[in-house]
N, C-alpha and C. Protein backbone atom coordinates (compact mmCIF):
# COMPACT_ATOMS: atom_id res chain seq x y z
N MET A 1 0.71 -1.00 0.13
CA MET A 1 0.37 -0.72 -0.08
C MET A 1 1.22 0.93 -0.05
N ALA A 2 1.72 0.78 -0.58
CA ALA A 2 2.15 2.68 -0.54
C ALA A 2 2.42 3.30 -1.75
N ASP A 3 1.74 3.30 -2.35
CA ASP A 3 1.64 3.82 -3.29
C ASP A 3 0.24 4.62 -3.29
N PHE A 4 -0.44 4.31 -1.88
CA PHE A 4 -1.82 4.92 -1.50
C PHE A 4 -1.23 6.62 -1.12
N ASN A 5 -1.95 7.30 -1.59
CA ASN A 5 -1.69 8.97 -1.46
C ASN A 5 -2.48 9.32 -0.31
N TRP A 6 -2.05 9.35 0.67
CA TRP A 6 -2.95 9.93 2.14
C TRP A 6 -3.21 11.22 1.50
N VAL A 7 -2.17 12.34 0.95
CA VAL A 7 -2.12 13.05 1.27
C VAL A 7 -3.08 14.33 0.16
N ASN A 8 -3.23 13.59 -0.76
CA ASN A 8 -4.23 13.98 -1.78
C ASN A 8 -5.93 13.70 -1.25
N LEU A 9 -6.18 12.61 -0.60
CA LEU A 9 -7.49 12.17 0.50
C LEU A 9 -7.97 12.65 1.68
N ARG A 10 -6.98 13.31 2.23
CA ARG A 10 -7.34 13.66 3.05
C ARG A 10 -7.20 15.60 2.58
N ALA A 11 -6.83 16.58 1.71
CA ALA A 11 -7.79 17.27 1.43
C ALA A 11 -8.54 16.90 0.92
N LYS A 12 -8.90 15.97 -0.48
CA LYS A 12 -10.36 16.81 -0.37
C LYS A 12 -10.91 16.04 0.62
N CYS A 13 -10.93 16.09 2.15
CA CYS A 13 -11.24 15.70 2.84
C CYS A 13 -11.83 16.52 4.17
N SER A 14 -12.11 18.26 3.46
CA SER A 14 -11.95 19.26 3.70
C SER A 14 -13.27 19.31 5.12
N LEU A 15 -13.06 20.49 5.67
CA LEU A 15 -14.03 20.74 6.29
C LEU A 15 -15.71 21.21 5.91
N ALA A 16 -14.70 22.10 4.70
CA ALA A 16 -15.85 22.09 4.34
C ALA A 16 -16.30 21.17 2.99
N GLU A 17 -16.03 20.47 2.37
CA GLU A 17 -16.60 19.87 1.73
C GLU A 17 -17.43 18.55 2.16
N VAL A 18 -17.22 18.64 3.56
CA VAL A 18 -18.47 17.78 4.87
C VAL A 18 -19.36 18.75 4.78
N PHE A 19 -19.15 20.07 5.04
CA PHE A 19 -19.90 21.15 6.17
C PHE A 19 -21.27 20.93 4.21
N GLU A 20 -20.86 20.87 2.88
CA GLU A 20 -20.92 20.58 2.35
C GLU A 20 -22.34 20.09 1.81
N GLN A 21 -21.24 18.56 2.05
CA GLN A 21 -22.36 17.51 2.15
C GLN A 21 -23.04 17.95 3.34
N LEU A 22 -23.19 17.57 4.44
CA LEU A 22 -24.10 17.92 5.14
C LEU A 22 -25.18 18.93 4.93
N ARG A 23 -24.65 20.39 4.60
CA ARG A 23 -26.29 20.51 3.89
C ARG A 23 -27.63 20.37 2.96
N LEU A 24 -26.16 19.26 1.85
CA LEU A 24 -27.42 18.53 0.94
C LEU A 24 -28.66 17.60 1.95
N ASP A 25 -27.66 16.72 2.78
CA ASP A 25 -28.10 16.03 3.72
C ASP A 25 -29.54 15.90 4.06
N VAL A 26 -28.61 17.29 5.08
CA VAL A 26 -29.65 17.94 5.71
C VAL A 26 -31.04 17.57 5.53
N LYS A 27 -31.06 19.02 3.76
CA LYS A 27 -31.99 19.13 3.05
C LYS A 27 -32.91 18.07 2.76
N ALA A 28 -32.24 16.60 2.47
CA ALA A 28 -32.66 15.55 2.06
C ALA A 28 -33.95 15.15 3.49
N ASP A 29 -33.05 15.65 4.51
CA ASP A 29 -33.73 14.38 5.80
C ASP A 29 -34.12 15.48 6.17
N VAL A 30 -34.89 16.84 5.51
CA VAL A 30 -35.81 17.47 6.47
C VAL A 30 -37.04 17.53 5.20
N GLU A 31 -36.75 17.76 4.03
CA GLU A 31 -37.76 16.92 3.26
C GLU A 31 -38.65 15.39 3.37
N HIS A 32 -37.85 14.81 3.94
CA HIS A 32 -38.34 13.76 4.41
C HIS A 32 -39.21 13.69 5.43
N ARG A 33 -39.01 14.39 6.23
CA ARG A 33 -39.30 14.45 7.75
C ARG A 33 -41.02 15.86 7.22
N GLN A 34 -40.70 16.21 6.88
CA GLN A 34 -41.33 16.86 6.37
C GLN A 34 -42.85 15.89 5.62
N GLY A 35 -42.72 15.24 4.51
CA GLY A 35 -43.08 14.70 4.01
C GLY A 35 -44.19 13.20 5.20
N LEU A 36 -43.13 13.07 7.07
CA LEU A 36 -44.27 12.42 7.23
C LEU A 36 -45.29 13.25 8.27
N ARG A 37 -45.18 14.52 8.03
CA ARG A 37 -46.38 15.47 8.95
C ARG A 37 -47.35 14.49 8.27
N ALA A 38 -48.46 14.62 9.53
CA ALA A 38 -49.37 13.68 9.90
C ALA A 38 -51.18 14.41 8.38
N SER A 39 -51.17 13.98 7.49
CA SER A 39 -51.29 15.80 5.96
C SER A 39 -52.91 15.89 6.45
N GLU A 40 -54.09 14.87 7.38
CA GLU A 40 -54.82 15.09 7.84
C GLU A 40 -54.62 15.84 8.95
N ASP A 41 -53.51 16.60 9.48
CA ASP A 41 -54.04 17.77 10.90
C ASP A 41 -52.93 18.44 9.93
N ALA A 42 -52.63 18.69 8.95
CA ALA A 42 -51.91 20.34 8.52
C ALA A 42 -52.57 20.82 8.93
N ASP A 43 -53.14 20.74 8.17
CA ASP A 43 -54.58 22.55 9.09
C ASP A 43 -54.49 22.32 10.23
N LYS A 44 -54.83 22.23 10.42
CA LYS A 44 -54.83 22.70 11.98
C LYS A 44 -53.79 22.49 12.76
N TYR A 45 -52.66 21.54 12.85
CA TYR A 45 -51.49 22.38 13.03
C TYR A 45 -49.76 23.07 12.33
N ALA A 46 -50.44 23.04 11.58
CA ALA A 46 -49.62 24.38 10.36
C ALA A 46 -48.56 24.61 10.59
N HIS A 47 -47.57 23.26 10.15
CA HIS A 47 -46.04 23.66 11.42
C HIS A 47 -44.99 23.06 9.62
N ALA A 48 -44.05 23.51 10.42
CA ALA A 48 -42.93 23.41 9.46
C ALA A 48 -41.78 23.51 9.44
N PHE A 49 -41.15 22.99 8.54
CA PHE A 49 -39.01 22.71 9.04
C PHE A 49 -39.24 23.32 7.74
N HIS A 50 -38.07 23.57 8.11
CA HIS A 50 -37.88 24.85 6.38
C HIS A 50 -35.82 24.73 6.71
N VAL A 51 -34.95 24.76 6.31
CA VAL A 51 -33.37 24.95 5.74
C VAL A 51 -32.93 26.37 4.98
N SER A 52 -32.51 26.98 5.83
CA SER A 52 -31.63 28.06 5.21
C SER A 52 -30.86 28.77 5.88
N GLY A 53 -30.41 29.65 5.63
CA GLY A 53 -28.46 29.62 5.67
C GLY A 53 -27.91 31.01 4.78
N ASN A 54 -26.26 30.79 5.09
CA ASN A 54 -25.77 31.18 3.64
C ASN A 54 -24.83 29.74 3.76
N ARG A 55 -23.69 30.43 3.03
CA ARG A 55 -22.38 30.00 3.43
C ARG A 55 -21.68 29.03 3.24
N ASN A 56 -21.37 29.39 4.70
CA ASN A 56 -21.47 29.37 6.38
C ASN A 56 -21.70 29.04 7.29
N MET A 57 -22.89 28.75 6.94
CA MET A 57 -23.86 29.02 7.88
C MET A 57 -25.44 28.29 7.55
N PHE A 58 -26.18 27.62 8.10
CA PHE A 58 -27.47 26.44 7.96
C PHE A 58 -27.69 26.19 8.99
N ALA A 59 -29.00 26.13 9.24
CA ALA A 59 -29.94 26.39 9.95
C ALA A 59 -31.75 25.44 9.66
N VAL A 60 -31.62 24.61 10.22
CA VAL A 60 -33.84 23.78 10.42
C VAL A 60 -34.26 24.12 11.02
N VAL A 61 -35.22 24.69 10.64
CA VAL A 61 -36.38 25.28 11.53
C VAL A 61 -38.18 24.46 11.80
N LEU A 62 -38.58 25.01 12.95
CA LEU A 62 -39.76 24.66 13.13
C LEU A 62 -40.46 25.28 13.58
N ARG A 63 -41.64 25.97 12.92
CA ARG A 63 -42.66 27.03 12.79
C ARG A 63 -44.39 26.17 12.61
N GLY A 64 -44.48 27.06 13.44
CA GLY A 64 -45.71 26.72 13.45
C GLY A 64 -46.80 27.07 14.34
N HIS A 65 -48.24 26.61 14.51
CA HIS A 65 -49.48 26.25 15.40
C HIS A 65 -49.41 25.93 16.10
N TYR A 66 -49.11 25.39 17.73
CA TYR A 66 -49.98 24.45 17.87
C TYR A 66 -47.98 23.73 18.02
N THR A 67 -46.92 24.68 18.45
CA THR A 67 -46.51 23.42 18.86
C THR A 67 -44.86 24.43 19.16
N LYS A 68 -44.40 24.18 19.72
CA LYS A 68 -42.90 25.02 20.57
C LYS A 68 -42.04 25.22 19.30
N GLY A 69 -41.99 25.21 18.80
CA GLY A 69 -41.37 25.40 17.62
C GLY A 69 -39.56 25.32 18.46
N GLY A 70 -38.57 25.41 17.53
CA GLY A 70 -37.17 25.07 17.62
C GLY A 70 -35.86 25.63 15.86
N SER A 71 -35.04 24.83 16.75
CA SER A 71 -33.94 25.41 15.91
C SER A 71 -32.86 24.38 15.62
N VAL A 72 -32.03 24.58 14.87
CA VAL A 72 -30.66 23.74 15.37
C VAL A 72 -29.86 24.01 13.78
N THR A 73 -29.05 25.22 14.34
CA THR A 73 -27.80 25.61 13.19
C THR A 73 -26.17 25.04 12.88
N PHE A 74 -26.38 24.93 11.88
CA PHE A 74 -24.51 24.32 11.44
C PHE A 74 -24.00 25.76 11.07
N SER A 75 -22.71 25.47 11.43
CA SER A 75 -21.97 26.46 11.40
C SER A 75 -20.57 26.00 10.61
N LEU A 76 -19.80 26.62 9.82
CA LEU A 76 -19.25 25.98 9.77
C LEU A 76 -17.50 27.13 10.01
N GLU A 77 -16.79 26.75 10.78
CA GLU A 77 -15.99 27.71 11.40
C GLU A 77 -14.21 26.82 10.88
N LYS A 78 -13.84 28.28 11.74
CA LYS A 78 -11.67 27.85 11.33
C LYS A 78 -11.56 26.68 11.07
N ASP A 79 -12.06 25.76 12.51
CA ASP A 79 -11.40 24.42 12.57
C ASP A 79 -12.77 23.95 13.16
N CYS A 80 -13.33 24.52 13.13
CA CYS A 80 -14.51 22.36 13.02
C CYS A 80 -15.81 22.59 12.44
N ILE A 81 -17.31 22.15 12.55
CA ILE A 81 -18.81 21.98 12.35
C ILE A 81 -19.06 22.18 13.68
N ALA A 82 -19.34 23.60 14.19
CA ALA A 82 -19.84 23.46 15.52
C ALA A 82 -21.64 22.72 15.04
N VAL A 83 -22.55 23.33 15.80
CA VAL A 83 -23.60 22.68 15.78
C VAL A 83 -24.64 23.50 16.99
N SER A 84 -25.31 24.38 16.72
CA SER A 84 -25.93 24.52 17.72
C SER A 84 -27.23 24.60 18.10
N GLY A 85 -28.25 24.93 19.43
CA GLY A 85 -29.63 24.89 19.22
C GLY A 85 -29.80 26.37 19.80
N GLU A 86 -31.55 25.97 19.41
CA GLU A 86 -32.44 27.82 19.57
C GLU A 86 -31.57 29.00 19.45
N LYS A 87 -31.34 28.86 21.43
CA LYS A 87 -30.49 30.05 21.95
C LYS A 87 -29.17 29.98 21.18
N ASP A 88 -29.14 28.90 21.04
CA ASP A 88 -27.22 29.54 20.03
C ASP A 88 -26.51 29.10 21.04
N ASP A 89 -27.00 27.81 22.19
CA ASP A 89 -26.62 26.34 22.78
C ASP A 89 -25.72 26.22 21.86
N LEU A 90 -24.54 25.90 22.32
CA LEU A 90 -23.56 24.62 20.77
C LEU A 90 -23.76 23.30 22.11
N LEU A 91 -24.72 23.00 20.89
CA LEU A 91 -24.45 21.24 21.34
C LEU A 91 -23.54 20.11 20.66
N PHE A 92 -22.62 20.46 20.16
CA PHE A 92 -21.07 19.99 19.58
C PHE A 92 -20.27 20.45 18.70
N ARG A 93 -19.31 19.91 18.93
CA ARG A 93 -18.27 20.58 16.93
C ARG A 93 -17.95 18.86 16.42
N VAL A 94 -18.13 19.06 14.68
CA VAL A 94 -17.65 18.33 14.40
C VAL A 94 -16.18 18.42 14.12
N ASN A 95 -15.10 17.05 13.62
CA ASN A 95 -14.31 17.69 12.74
C ASN A 95 -14.22 16.32 11.33
N VAL A 96 -13.39 16.75 11.00
CA VAL A 96 -13.19 15.43 9.86
C VAL A 96 -11.05 14.93 10.00
N THR A 97 -11.57 13.34 9.59
CA THR A 97 -10.00 13.57 8.91
C THR A 97 -10.42 11.24 8.31
N LEU A 98 -9.32 11.59 8.45
CA LEU A 98 -9.37 11.11 7.13
C LEU A 98 -9.23 8.51 8.48
N ASN A 99 -9.92 7.59 8.08
CA ASN A 99 -9.46 7.11 9.58
C ASN A 99 -8.59 5.70 8.64
N SER A 100 -8.33 4.93 9.79
CA SER A 100 -8.06 3.95 9.51
C SER A 100 -7.55 3.40 8.66
N GLU A 101 -9.09 3.08 7.84
CA GLU A 101 -9.56 2.28 6.25
C GLU A 101 -8.92 3.39 5.20
N GLY A 102 -8.48 4.47 5.45
CA GLY A 102 -8.19 5.66 4.59
C GLY A 102 -10.10 6.99 4.12
N ARG A 103 -10.51 6.62 4.70
CA ARG A 103 -12.14 6.94 4.77
C ARG A 103 -12.13 8.24 5.32
N CYS A 104 -12.72 9.32 4.17
CA CYS A 104 -13.06 10.28 5.67
C CYS A 104 -14.32 10.15 6.01
N ILE A 105 -14.01 10.18 7.55
CA ILE A 105 -15.44 10.73 8.61
C ILE A 105 -15.37 11.77 10.14
N ALA A 106 -16.01 11.89 10.18
CA ALA A 106 -17.39 13.02 11.29
C ALA A 106 -16.33 12.60 12.60
N LYS A 107 -15.29 12.88 13.77
CA LYS A 107 -15.48 12.98 15.06
C LYS A 107 -16.03 13.71 15.98
N ILE A 108 -17.41 13.22 16.09
CA ILE A 108 -16.96 14.01 17.77
C ILE A 108 -17.17 13.86 19.41
N ALA A 109 -15.94 14.60 20.26
CA ALA A 109 -15.41 14.39 21.31
C ALA A 109 -14.73 13.24 20.53
N GLY A 110 -13.93 13.15 19.94
CA GLY A 110 -12.93 12.09 19.73
C GLY A 110 -14.23 10.87 18.94
N GLU A 111 -14.90 10.93 19.09
CA GLU A 111 -15.08 9.41 18.27
C GLU A 111 -15.45 9.49 16.90
N GLU A 112 -15.26 8.57 15.79
CA GLU A 112 -15.48 8.86 15.24
C GLU A 112 -16.58 8.85 14.05
N VAL A 113 -17.56 8.91 13.50
CA VAL A 113 -18.85 8.45 13.59
C VAL A 113 -18.92 8.98 11.94
N GLU A 114 -20.27 8.35 11.12
CA GLU A 114 -20.16 8.87 10.07
C GLU A 114 -21.32 10.02 10.30
N LEU A 115 -21.79 10.78 8.75
CA LEU A 115 -22.77 11.27 8.70
C LEU A 115 -24.11 11.66 9.41
N TRP A 116 -24.46 10.39 8.54
CA TRP A 116 -25.37 10.35 8.88
C TRP A 116 -25.97 10.24 10.80
N GLN A 117 -24.76 9.46 11.68
CA GLN A 117 -24.99 10.20 12.73
C GLN A 117 -24.62 11.36 13.39
N VAL A 118 -24.02 12.30 12.36
CA VAL A 118 -24.04 13.72 13.05
C VAL A 118 -25.83 14.55 13.04
N ARG A 119 -26.23 14.07 11.76
CA ARG A 119 -27.23 14.09 11.46
C ARG A 119 -28.71 13.97 12.20
N GLN A 120 -28.62 12.78 13.43
CA GLN A 120 -29.09 12.62 14.11
C GLN A 120 -29.04 12.90 15.42
N LYS A 121 -28.08 12.53 15.50
CA LYS A 121 -27.33 14.15 16.97
C LYS A 121 -28.21 15.42 17.01
N ALA A 122 -27.85 16.22 15.82
CA ALA A 122 -28.03 17.64 15.76
C ALA A 122 -30.13 17.63 15.31
N LEU A 123 -30.20 16.17 14.96
CA LEU A 123 -31.95 16.72 14.86
C LEU A 123 -33.31 15.72 14.88
N GLU A 124 -32.68 14.94 15.45
CA GLU A 124 -33.63 14.18 15.79
C GLU A 124 -34.39 14.01 17.18
N SER A 125 -33.95 15.77 18.42
CA SER A 125 -34.85 15.65 19.08
C SER A 125 -35.63 16.79 18.02
N LEU A 126 -35.48 17.73 17.59
CA LEU A 126 -35.71 18.70 16.72
C LEU A 126 -36.94 18.22 16.30
N PHE A 127 -37.13 16.58 15.00
CA PHE A 127 -37.60 16.05 14.31
C PHE A 127 -38.68 14.78 15.36
N PHE A 128 -38.42 15.02 16.41
CA PHE A 128 -39.33 13.62 17.62
C PHE A 128 -39.80 14.47 18.49
N GLU A 129 -38.99 14.73 19.11
CA GLU A 129 -39.40 14.57 20.62
C GLU A 129 -40.42 15.89 20.41
N THR A 130 -41.12 16.77 19.44
CA THR A 130 -41.41 18.49 19.90
C THR A 130 -42.85 17.74 19.64
N ASP A 131 -44.19 18.17 19.68
CA ASP A 131 -45.41 18.30 19.85
C ASP A 131 -46.53 17.46 17.89
N VAL A 132 -45.17 17.71 17.79
CA VAL A 132 -46.18 17.45 15.27
C VAL A 132 -45.91 15.89 15.33
N PRO A 133 -47.49 16.07 15.25
CA PRO A 133 -47.55 14.66 14.46
C PRO A 133 -47.48 14.27 13.21
N PHE A 134 -47.09 13.12 13.03
CA PHE A 134 -46.89 12.90 11.48
C PHE A 134 -46.90 11.60 11.58
N ASN A 135 -47.08 10.98 9.68
CA ASN A 135 -47.83 9.52 9.55
C ASN A 135 -46.72 8.39 9.38
N THR A 136 -46.81 7.50 10.56
CA THR A 136 -45.88 6.47 10.18
C THR A 136 -46.15 5.60 8.81
N PRO A 137 -44.97 5.94 7.98
CA PRO A 137 -44.96 4.12 6.58
C PRO A 137 -45.51 3.54 6.80
N ALA A 138 -46.38 3.09 6.55
CA ALA A 138 -47.05 1.28 6.17
C ALA A 138 -46.26 0.40 6.29
């Protein structure tokens, strides 16, 4: 494995690249969760999840009638991706590196995690621990 070019792979495994992948994946998660809203109760509850932001930040926001609402913000910082809650309280930081298999991997508090786990850790409470009804797939 002497020809393994870890330098090139690590250069492609940047915070900016991972941040953009997170943005795309979070948008897909929001669309999926939005689709699980209870259609028969949509008018009654009139809630919605939205993604908004700019180049170095994006947020998932829940707004609507009869819900406490909430938000989760992802910010691209100099040395990490910061994930914050409603009142800018830091939930956790994400770093990136190559793992022992040469794959680009996220790290939270030194623990290697997949990007879906980053999204789950950030969004699970907002998506499922609110008073918003949803349909479960059959």
